[in-house]
Protein backbone atom coordinates (compact mmCIF):
# COMPACT_ATOMS: atom_id res chain seq x y z
CA MET A 1 -25.75 -1.10 56.70
CA PRO A 2 -24.22 2.07 55.25
CA ASP A 3 -25.45 3.58 52.02
CA TYR A 4 -23.24 2.53 49.13
CA ASP A 5 -23.50 3.75 45.60
CA VAL A 6 -23.24 0.70 43.44
CA LEU A 7 -22.54 1.02 39.75
CA ALA A 8 -24.16 -1.86 37.99
CA MET A 9 -22.99 -2.49 34.49
CA ASP A 10 -24.49 -5.06 32.25
CA GLY A 11 -22.61 -6.90 29.55
CA LEU A 12 -24.69 -5.42 26.76
CA SER A 13 -22.87 -2.12 26.81
CA ILE A 14 -19.50 -3.88 26.57
CA ILE A 15 -20.77 -6.07 23.73
CA GLY A 16 -22.16 -2.99 21.98
CA THR A 17 -18.87 -1.12 22.31
CA VAL A 18 -16.82 -4.05 21.06
CA GLY A 19 -19.36 -4.67 18.30
CA PHE A 20 -18.83 -1.14 17.04
CA PHE A 21 -15.09 -0.59 17.42
CA VAL A 22 -13.79 -3.98 16.25
CA PRO A 23 -15.48 -3.83 12.80
CA ALA A 24 -14.44 -0.18 12.49
CA ALA A 25 -10.81 -1.11 13.23
CA ILE A 26 -10.97 -3.96 10.71
CA LEU A 27 -12.37 -1.63 8.06
CA ILE A 28 -9.65 0.95 8.69
CA ALA A 29 -6.98 -1.77 8.46
CA LEU A 30 -8.40 -3.01 5.15
CA VAL A 31 -8.47 0.48 3.67
CA ALA A 32 -4.91 1.20 4.81
CA GLY A 33 -3.74 -2.11 3.35
CA ALA A 34 -5.42 -1.34 0.03
CA VAL A 35 -3.78 2.10 -0.14
CA VAL A 36 -0.33 0.65 0.59
CA ARG A 37 -0.82 -2.09 -2.02
CA ASP A 38 -1.94 0.45 -4.63
CA ARG A 39 1.06 2.68 -3.99
CA ARG A 40 3.44 -0.26 -4.26
CA LEU A 41 1.90 -1.36 -7.55
CA SER A 42 2.00 2.13 -9.04
CA ALA A 43 5.63 2.59 -7.92
CA ARG A 44 6.56 -0.73 -9.51
CA GLU A 45 4.81 0.25 -12.76
CA SER A 46 6.49 3.65 -12.90
CA ALA A 47 9.91 2.07 -12.25
CA ALA A 48 9.34 -0.41 -15.09
CA GLU A 49 8.27 2.42 -17.39
CA ALA A 50 11.34 4.46 -16.49
CA THR A 51 13.52 1.44 -17.21
CA ARG A 52 11.89 0.94 -20.61
CA GLU A 53 12.34 4.63 -21.47
CA GLY A 54 15.98 4.55 -20.38
CA LEU A 55 16.73 1.48 -22.47
CA ALA A 56 15.01 3.03 -25.49
CA ARG A 57 16.97 6.27 -25.03
CA GLU A 58 20.32 4.46 -24.74
CA SER A 59 19.82 2.09 -27.68
CA LEU A 60 21.16 2.90 -31.13
CA PRO A 61 18.70 3.81 -33.85
CA GLU A 62 18.23 1.17 -36.55
CA GLY A 63 19.86 3.21 -39.37
CA ASP A 64 22.98 4.25 -37.39
CA ALA A 65 24.28 0.80 -36.55
CA THR A 66 27.86 1.52 -37.60
CA THR A 67 30.66 -0.70 -36.42
CA PRO A 68 33.74 0.88 -34.90
CA PRO A 69 37.08 0.38 -36.71
CA ARG A 70 39.06 -2.70 -35.84
CA ALA A 71 42.08 -2.30 -33.57
CA ASP A 72 44.45 -4.60 -35.52
């Protein structure tokens, strides 16, 4: 029988590799999701604030509520 080099690999190394990389991938996905959610919320808040400022800028002051002349 010829001499063969046999590479024996047990399942523990595969389990150890999967046990490390799967939780790491889940953690990275959770952090990325939280960052995206935070950016969406802050963009929504800044858009609402800009809308409020625009409406306040375009509205008439309380003392200057003059009516235009009638076109009769």
